């Protein structure tokens, strides 16, 4: 999978990124499903201090003639360590 040009441009400020995902729970009800998991996301900017987030990802999905599709994605940040770069910095 390749990031869209908009997202790819925003990722150029990082020397490294790494995401850990655990405790994935998927619930299916016919052609609809939800999925939740915990994550820890490490960010190492090229110019700045590293920082880390932890939280949950929540997805809603639907099944159509071409397969399963994500219809919404919610990120809930439950904790942070370090100071994240804000938009326009880096």
C-alpha atoms as a PDB file:
ATOM      1  CA  UNK A   1       0.000   0.000   0.000  1.00  0.00           C
ATOM      2  CA  UNK A   2       1.306   3.460  -0.910  1.00  0.00           C
ATOM      3  CA  UNK A   3       0.486   6.653   0.970  1.00  0.00           C
ATOM      4  CA  UNK A   4      -1.394   9.358  -0.928  1.00  0.00           C
ATOM      5  CA  UNK A   5       0.819  12.261  -2.117  1.00  0.00           C
ATOM      6  CA  UNK A   6      -0.719  14.533   0.552  1.00  0.00           C
ATOM      7  CA  UNK A   7       0.195  12.146   3.375  1.00  0.00           C
ATOM      8  CA  UNK A   8       3.551  11.210   1.828  1.00  0.00           C
ATOM      9  CA  UNK A   9       4.555  14.902   1.795  1.00  0.00           C
ATOM     10  CA  UNK A  10       3.713  15.249   5.490  1.00  0.00           C
ATOM     11  CA  UNK A  11       5.842  12.212   6.368  1.00  0.00           C
ATOM     12  CA  UNK A  12       9.050  13.735   4.967  1.00  0.00           C
ATOM     13  CA  UNK A  13       9.720  15.537   8.285  1.00  0.00           C
ATOM     14  CA  UNK A  14      10.433  12.194   9.995  1.00  0.00           C
ATOM     15  CA  UNK A  15      13.706  10.278  10.128  1.00  0.00           C
ATOM     16  CA  UNK A  16      11.731   7.259  11.396  1.00  0.00           C
ATOM     17  CA  UNK A  17       8.210   6.181  12.351  1.00  0.00           C
ATOM     18  CA  UNK A  18       7.117   2.932  13.924  1.00  0.00           C
ATOM     19  CA  UNK A  19       3.668   1.763  14.997  1.00  0.00           C
ATOM     20  CA  UNK A  20       2.890  -1.216  17.206  1.00  0.00           C
ATOM     21  CA  UNK A  21      -0.664  -2.610  17.137  1.00  0.00           C
ATOM     22  CA  UNK A  22      -2.095  -5.121  19.626  1.00  0.00           C
ATOM     23  CA  UNK A  23      -5.292  -6.631  20.997  1.00  0.00           C
ATOM     24  CA  UNK A  24      -7.188  -6.456  17.706  1.00  0.00           C
ATOM     25  CA  UNK A  25     -10.907  -7.186  18.111  1.00  0.00           C
ATOM     26  CA  UNK A  26     -13.152  -7.523  15.036  1.00  0.00           C
ATOM     27  CA  UNK A  27     -16.938  -7.873  15.239  1.00  0.00           C
ATOM     28  CA  UNK A  28     -18.860  -8.809  12.092  1.00  0.00           C
ATOM     29  CA  UNK A  29     -22.603  -8.410  11.599  1.00  0.00           C
ATOM     30  CA  UNK A  30     -23.538  -9.375   8.041  1.00  0.00           C
ATOM     31  CA  UNK A  31     -22.030  -6.824   5.651  1.00  0.00           C
ATOM     32  CA  UNK A  32     -20.933  -4.473   8.449  1.00  0.00           C
ATOM     33  CA  UNK A  33     -18.079  -4.778  10.905  1.00  0.00           C
ATOM     34  CA  UNK A  34     -16.168  -2.860  13.546  1.00  0.00           C
ATOM     35  CA  UNK A  35     -12.543  -3.279  14.547  1.00  0.00           C
ATOM     36  CA  UNK A  36     -10.650  -1.869  17.499  1.00  0.00           C
ATOM     37  CA  UNK A  37      -7.060  -2.135  18.660  1.00  0.00           C
ATOM     38  CA  UNK A  38      -4.487  -0.504  20.897  1.00  0.00           C
ATOM     39  CA  UNK A  39      -1.448   1.202  19.394  1.00  0.00           C
ATOM     40  CA  UNK A  40       1.860   2.772  20.364  1.00  0.00           C
ATOM     41  CA  UNK A  41       3.318   5.138  17.768  1.00  0.00           C
ATOM     42  CA  UNK A  42       6.961   6.287  17.886  1.00  0.00           C
ATOM     43  CA  UNK A  43       7.939   9.412  15.913  1.00  0.00           C
ATOM     44  CA  UNK A  44      11.521  10.521  15.277  1.00  0.00           C
ATOM     45  CA  UNK A  45      11.592  13.887  13.486  1.00  0.00           C
ATOM     46  CA  UNK A  46      14.605  14.846  11.369  1.00  0.00           C
ATOM     47  CA  UNK A  47      14.816  18.120  13.320  1.00  0.00           C
ATOM     48  CA  UNK A  48      13.428  17.791  16.838  1.00  0.00           C
ATOM     49  CA  UNK A  49      13.010  15.463  19.763  1.00  0.00           C
ATOM     50  CA  UNK A  50      11.361  12.052  19.495  1.00  0.00           C
ATOM     51  CA  UNK A  51       7.872  11.598  20.889  1.00  0.00           C
ATOM     52  CA  UNK A  52       5.437   8.738  21.399  1.00  0.00           C
ATOM     53  CA  UNK A  53       1.647   8.379  21.479  1.00  0.00           C
ATOM     54  CA  UNK A  54      -0.487   5.548  22.789  1.00  0.00           C
ATOM     55  CA  UNK A  55      -4.175   4.981  22.271  1.00  0.00           C
ATOM     56  CA  UNK A  56      -6.789   3.167  20.229  1.00  0.00           C
ATOM     57  CA  UNK A  57      -7.725   2.875  16.587  1.00  0.00           C
ATOM     58  CA  UNK A  58     -11.415   2.263  15.852  1.00  0.00           C
ATOM     59  CA  UNK A  59     -12.715   1.316  12.413  1.00  0.00           C
ATOM     60  CA  UNK A  60     -16.136   0.879  10.818  1.00  0.00           C
ATOM     61  CA  UNK A  61     -16.223  -1.344   7.728  1.00  0.00           C
ATOM     62  CA  UNK A  62     -18.721  -2.466   5.100  1.00  0.00           C
ATOM     63  CA  UNK A  63     -18.618  -5.370   2.675  1.00  0.00           C
ATOM     64  CA  UNK A  64     -19.541  -4.723  -0.958  1.00  0.00           C
ATOM     65  CA  UNK A  65     -19.040  -6.477  -4.286  1.00  0.00           C
ATOM     66  CA  UNK A  66     -15.319  -5.607  -4.261  1.00  0.00           C
ATOM     67  CA  UNK A  67     -14.602  -6.718  -0.680  1.00  0.00           C
ATOM     68  CA  UNK A  68     -14.320  -5.033   2.706  1.00  0.00           C
ATOM     69  CA  UNK A  69     -13.991  -1.225   2.824  1.00  0.00           C
ATOM     70  CA  UNK A  70     -13.131   1.074   5.733  1.00  0.00           C
ATOM     71  CA  UNK A  71     -15.861   3.705   6.089  1.00  0.00           C
ATOM     72  CA  UNK A  72     -14.482   5.504   9.144  1.00  0.00           C
ATOM     73  CA  UNK A  73     -11.320   5.539  11.229  1.00  0.00           C
ATOM     74  CA  UNK A  74     -11.067   7.167  14.656  1.00  0.00           C
ATOM     75  CA  UNK A  75      -7.812   7.678  16.537  1.00  0.00           C
ATOM     76  CA  UNK A  76      -8.072   8.210  20.291  1.00  0.00           C
ATOM     77  CA  UNK A  77      -4.830   9.335  21.914  1.00  0.00           C
ATOM     78  CA  UNK A  78      -4.830   8.140  25.538  1.00  0.00           C
ATOM     79  CA  UNK A  79      -1.304   9.221  26.495  1.00  0.00           C
ATOM     80  CA  UNK A  80       1.739  11.068  25.154  1.00  0.00           C
ATOM     81  CA  UNK A  81       5.449  11.155  25.960  1.00  0.00           C
ATOM     82  CA  UNK A  82       7.600  13.980  24.614  1.00  0.00           C
ATOM     83  CA  UNK A  83       6.416  16.960  22.608  1.00  0.00           C
ATOM     84  CA  UNK A  84       4.865  16.369  19.203  1.00  0.00           C
ATOM     85  CA  UNK A  85       5.771  18.594  16.294  1.00  0.00           C
ATOM     86  CA  UNK A  86       2.822  20.754  15.304  1.00  0.00           C
ATOM     87  CA  UNK A  87       1.691  21.357  11.726  1.00  0.00           C
ATOM     88  CA  UNK A  88       4.166  23.470   9.798  1.00  0.00           C
ATOM     89  CA  UNK A  89       7.155  22.574  12.017  1.00  0.00           C
ATOM     90  CA  UNK A  90       9.967  20.253  11.148  1.00  0.00           C
END
